[in-house]
Amino acid sequence: MQGYINSFESFGTKDGPGIRFVVFMQGCPLRCLYCHNVDTWELKDKNYIYTPEEVLAELNKVRAFLSGGITISGGEPLLQSSFVLEVFKLCKENGIHTALDTSGYIFNDQAKKVLEYTDLVLLDIKHIDKDMYKKITSVDLEPTLNFIKYLEEIKKPTWIRYVLVPGYTDDIKDLNDWAKFVSQFNVVKRVDILPFHQMAIYKWEKTNKEYKLKDTPTPNKEQIQKAEEIFKKYNLPLYKERD
């Protein structure tokens, strides 16, 4: 078995608890307007081909420095769910904490098997309105909603991230609807508001893809605070980095 991989990060601090080894898988069915890993979309653009054992070997090179574990991200890692399953099995055999960073769009029996070996899910629910969700991602929202309902059913600890994009994901009604929906799930242990930024524009230019948000500003302090206030109103476990 082999997996198509875009890149590795040896000392990740943003993708789960502690210092982590992050694997960015190649391939994604979503086409998010603000994607910061646009170079992961196509499977054919892979940078590496590894076996599960080779991924574990790479992790072991830096394991002494890891206080967290492994996070498999993307792209969309569940596009290569059989490979992720084998990596996570090896990790569990070796006492390594596992986190899966996913959009929740691929929700099938194989994805459920991966979740059996997953300690923490990092789930992106990018919008709560199905039409806006499709406009932002090009895919349907329903699979992701079913995904989080299943996470609740199996009591899988979950962190949720929400990218705040002016003009797309900052509508007051939508923020309230999103927060109300998320607040019903006891498995949600943390919610992150991620302000939109332009740092990945070079990847869009490099891959010759049309970037529709080049004139979209980063949200200001007041816009971020408004979203935080709404999320707090629904008692969401909002995470905020210390200054």
Protein backbone atom coordinates (compact mmCIF):
# COMPACT_ATOMS: atom_id res chain seq x y z
CA MET A 1 0.00 0.00 0.00
CA GLN A 2 1.20 3.50 -0.89
CA GLY A 3 -0.06 7.00 -0.25
CA TYR A 4 0.27 10.16 -2.32
CA ILE A 5 1.68 12.87 -0.08
CA ASN A 6 2.19 16.58 -0.63
CA SER A 7 4.45 17.41 2.31
CA PHE A 8 5.40 16.85 5.94
CA GLU A 9 5.69 19.23 8.87
CA SER A 10 7.93 17.95 11.65
CA PHE A 11 6.96 20.33 14.45
CA GLY A 12 3.34 21.39 13.89
CA THR A 13 1.69 23.43 16.64
CA LYS A 14 -1.61 24.36 14.95
CA ASP A 15 -2.98 20.93 14.07
CA GLY A 16 -3.99 19.35 17.35
CA PRO A 17 -2.66 19.27 20.92
CA GLY A 18 1.06 19.51 21.57
CA ILE A 19 3.89 19.50 19.05
CA ARG A 20 2.90 17.19 16.21
CA PHE A 21 4.13 15.45 13.09
CA VAL A 22 1.79 16.57 10.30
CA VAL A 23 1.27 14.71 7.03
CA PHE A 24 -0.38 16.68 4.24
CA MET A 25 -2.02 14.19 1.89
CA GLN A 26 -2.46 14.88 -1.81
CA GLY A 27 -5.90 15.15 -3.39
CA CYS A 28 -9.12 16.94 -2.46
CA PRO A 29 -12.67 16.92 -3.87
CA LEU A 30 -13.37 20.42 -2.52
CA ARG A 31 -12.43 23.60 -4.38
CA CYS A 32 -12.54 26.16 -1.59
CA LEU A 33 -12.27 29.76 -2.72
CA TYR A 34 -9.85 30.53 0.11
CA CYS A 35 -7.87 27.27 0.06
CA HIS A 36 -4.33 27.73 1.38
CA ASN A 37 -3.19 24.35 0.07
CA VAL A 38 -4.37 24.64 -3.51
CA ASP A 39 -1.31 22.64 -4.57
CA THR A 40 -2.86 19.56 -2.92
CA TRP A 41 -6.00 19.42 -5.08
CA GLU A 42 -4.87 17.01 -7.79
CA LEU A 43 -3.56 13.54 -6.94
CA LYS A 44 -1.19 13.68 -9.91
CA ASP A 45 0.67 16.63 -8.37
CA LYS A 46 1.99 14.55 -5.47
CA ASN A 47 5.51 15.23 -4.21
CA TYR A 48 6.03 11.89 -2.46
CA ILE A 49 4.83 8.30 -2.54
CA TYR A 50 5.21 6.54 0.79
CA THR A 51 4.12 3.31 2.44
CA PRO A 52 2.54 3.51 5.92
CA GLU A 53 5.73 2.07 7.37
CA GLU A 54 7.81 4.78 5.70
CA VAL A 55 5.56 7.50 7.18
CA LEU A 56 6.07 6.00 10.63
CA ALA A 57 9.81 5.94 10.01
CA GLU A 58 9.74 9.67 9.18
CA LEU A 59 7.79 10.36 12.36
CA ASN A 60 10.22 8.33 14.44
CA LYS A 61 13.09 10.56 13.29
CA VAL A 62 11.59 13.42 15.33
CA ARG A 63 9.50 11.49 17.85
CA ALA A 64 11.68 12.54 20.76
CA PHE A 65 10.65 16.16 20.13
CA LEU A 66 6.91 15.50 19.79
CA SER A 67 4.65 16.21 22.75
CA GLY A 68 1.49 15.52 20.75
CA GLY A 69 1.38 12.87 18.05
CA ILE A 70 0.52 12.66 14.37
CA THR A 71 -2.02 14.68 12.42
CA ILE A 72 -3.01 13.66 8.91
CA SER A 73 -4.29 16.62 6.93
CA GLY A 74 -4.52 17.58 3.28
CA GLY A 75 -5.95 18.05 0.87
CA GLU A 76 -8.65 15.75 2.11
CA PRO A 77 -7.04 12.75 3.83
CA LEU A 78 -10.15 10.58 3.57
CA LEU A 79 -9.72 10.60 -0.21
CA GLN A 80 -6.96 8.08 0.58
CA SER A 81 -8.73 6.55 3.56
CA SER A 82 -7.28 3.04 3.17
CA PHE A 83 -3.77 4.46 3.45
CA VAL A 84 -4.66 6.69 6.40
CA LEU A 85 -6.22 3.68 8.13
CA GLU A 86 -2.99 1.71 7.89
CA VAL A 87 -0.90 4.64 9.14
CA PHE A 88 -3.19 5.13 12.12
CA LYS A 89 -3.15 1.41 12.93
CA LEU A 90 0.65 1.52 13.08
CA CYS A 91 0.51 4.63 15.24
CA LYS A 92 -1.87 3.07 17.72
CA GLU A 93 0.36 -0.01 17.93
CA ASN A 94 3.19 2.35 18.85
CA GLY A 95 1.29 4.48 21.36
CA ILE A 96 1.08 7.57 19.16
CA HIS A 97 -1.87 9.99 19.47
CA THR A 98 -3.74 10.34 16.16
CA ALA A 99 -5.64 13.33 14.77
CA LEU A 100 -7.55 13.57 11.51
CA ASP A 101 -7.98 16.96 9.82
CA THR A 102 -10.97 16.68 7.48
CA SER A 103 -13.81 18.51 5.77
CA GLY A 104 -16.13 15.61 6.58
CA TYR A 105 -17.21 15.49 2.94
CA ILE A 106 -16.14 11.86 2.41
CA PHE A 107 -18.36 9.91 4.76
CA ASN A 108 -18.53 6.19 4.04
CA ASP A 109 -17.74 2.85 5.67
CA GLN A 110 -14.01 3.24 5.08
CA ALA A 111 -14.06 6.67 6.72
CA LYS A 112 -15.81 5.09 9.72
CA LYS A 113 -12.99 2.53 9.96
CA VAL A 114 -10.43 5.34 10.03
CA LEU A 115 -12.34 6.99 12.87
CA GLU A 116 -11.96 3.83 14.95
CA TYR A 117 -8.22 4.56 15.09
CA THR A 118 -8.58 8.34 15.43
CA ASP A 119 -8.17 10.00 18.82
CA LEU A 120 -9.21 13.50 17.73
CA VAL A 121 -11.03 14.92 14.71
CA LEU A 122 -10.27 18.42 13.43
CA LEU A 123 -13.40 19.23 11.43
CA ASP A 124 -13.97 22.18 9.12
CA ILE A 125 -17.62 23.24 8.89
CA LYS A 126 -17.08 26.07 6.46
CA HIS A 127 -20.63 27.44 6.36
CA ILE A 128 -24.09 26.52 7.59
CA ASP A 129 -26.10 27.73 4.60
CA LYS A 130 -26.09 25.01 1.96
CA ASP A 131 -26.04 27.43 -0.98
CA MET A 132 -23.17 29.48 0.40
CA TYR A 133 -21.35 26.30 1.35
CA LYS A 134 -21.52 25.12 -2.24
CA LYS A 135 -20.44 28.52 -3.52
CA ILE A 136 -17.39 28.43 -1.26
CA THR A 137 -16.42 24.76 -1.67
CA SER A 138 -18.16 23.55 -4.89
CA VAL A 139 -19.58 20.52 -3.00
CA ASP A 140 -22.68 19.79 -0.90
CA LEU A 141 -22.92 20.52 2.82
CA GLU A 142 -25.02 17.51 3.83
CA PRO A 143 -22.18 14.93 4.08
CA THR A 144 -20.35 17.14 6.58
CA LEU A 145 -23.47 17.57 8.70
CA ASN A 146 -23.94 13.81 8.70
CA PHE A 147 -20.26 13.41 9.59
CA ILE A 148 -20.48 15.46 12.76
CA LYS A 149 -23.70 13.71 13.76
CA TYR A 150 -21.82 10.43 13.48
CA LEU A 151 -18.95 11.82 15.56
CA GLU A 152 -21.51 12.61 18.26
CA GLU A 153 -22.94 9.10 17.97
CA ILE A 154 -19.52 7.46 18.53
CA LYS A 155 -18.47 10.10 21.10
CA LYS A 156 -15.35 11.12 19.18
CA PRO A 157 -13.59 14.24 20.57
CA THR A 158 -13.72 17.01 17.98
CA TRP A 159 -12.23 20.42 17.38
CA ILE A 160 -14.01 22.61 14.85
CA ARG A 161 -12.45 25.41 12.82
CA TYR A 162 -14.33 28.25 11.14
CA VAL A 163 -12.61 30.50 8.61
CA LEU A 164 -13.95 34.04 8.89
CA VAL A 165 -14.05 35.54 5.38
CA PRO A 166 -15.51 39.05 4.93
CA GLY A 167 -18.43 38.93 2.53
CA TYR A 168 -18.67 35.14 2.62
CA THR A 169 -18.76 33.74 6.15
CA ASP A 170 -19.31 36.79 8.36
CA ASP A 171 -23.06 37.32 7.99
CA ILE A 172 -24.65 37.75 11.44
CA LYS A 173 -27.56 35.38 10.79
CA ASP A 174 -25.26 32.73 9.36
CA LEU A 175 -22.91 33.00 12.33
CA ASN A 176 -25.84 32.54 14.71
CA ASP A 177 -27.18 29.59 12.73
CA TRP A 178 -23.73 27.98 12.62
CA ALA A 179 -23.16 28.43 16.34
CA LYS A 180 -26.62 27.14 17.21
CA PHE A 181 -26.04 24.01 15.12
CA VAL A 182 -22.58 23.30 16.53
CA SER A 183 -23.68 23.92 20.13
CA GLN A 184 -25.84 20.78 20.15
CA PHE A 185 -22.82 18.45 19.96
CA ASN A 186 -21.20 17.39 23.22
CA VAL A 187 -18.15 15.99 21.38
CA VAL A 188 -17.08 19.49 20.33
CA LYS A 189 -14.26 20.29 22.75
CA ARG A 190 -12.86 23.37 21.01
CA VAL A 191 -13.86 25.91 18.36
CA ASP A 192 -11.30 28.04 16.50
CA ILE A 193 -12.10 31.17 14.50
CA LEU A 194 -9.47 31.46 11.79
CA PRO A 195 -9.29 34.92 10.19
CA PHE A 196 -8.97 34.78 6.40
CA HIS A 197 -5.59 35.86 5.07
CA GLN A 198 -3.83 36.28 1.72
CA MET A 199 -0.66 34.34 2.52
CA ALA A 200 -1.42 31.52 0.05
CA ILE A 201 -1.97 33.71 -2.99
CA TYR A 202 1.44 32.70 -4.37
CA LYS A 203 0.28 29.07 -4.55
CA TRP A 204 -2.71 30.07 -6.67
CA GLU A 205 -0.45 32.02 -9.00
CA LYS A 206 2.08 29.20 -9.17
CA THR A 207 -0.61 26.65 -10.10
CA ASN A 208 -2.23 29.01 -12.63
CA LYS A 209 -5.63 28.84 -10.92
CA GLU A 210 -8.09 31.72 -10.78
CA TYR A 211 -8.08 33.25 -7.32
CA LYS A 212 -11.41 35.00 -6.78
CA LEU A 213 -10.61 36.41 -3.35
CA LYS A 214 -7.55 38.49 -4.23
CA ASP A 215 -9.43 41.68 -3.30
CA THR A 216 -11.03 40.26 -0.14
CA PRO A 217 -9.64 41.90 3.01
CA THR A 218 -8.51 40.19 6.17
CA PRO A 219 -11.22 40.62 8.84
CA ASN A 220 -10.53 43.46 11.25
CA LYS A 221 -10.51 43.22 15.03
CA GLU A 222 -14.14 44.30 15.34
CA GLN A 223 -15.35 41.66 12.86
CA ILE A 224 -13.47 38.94 14.71
CA GLN A 225 -14.81 40.11 18.07
CA LYS A 226 -18.37 40.09 16.74
CA ALA A 227 -18.01 36.47 15.62
CA GLU A 228 -16.47 35.58 18.99
CA GLU A 229 -19.36 37.21 20.84
CA ILE A 230 -21.90 35.23 18.83
CA PHE A 231 -20.10 31.94 19.40
CA LYS A 232 -19.79 32.65 23.12
CA LYS A 233 -23.52 33.36 23.28
CA TYR A 234 -24.09 29.72 22.40
CA ASN A 235 -21.54 28.58 25.00
CA LEU A 236 -19.16 27.20 22.39
CA PRO A 237 -15.69 26.27 23.73
CA LEU A 238 -14.01 29.08 21.84
CA TYR A 239 -10.23 28.92 21.77
CA LYS A 240 -8.31 32.15 21.79
CA GLU A 241 -4.54 32.41 21.70
CA ARG A 242 -2.95 34.53 24.35
CA ASP A 243 -1.42 37.77 23.14
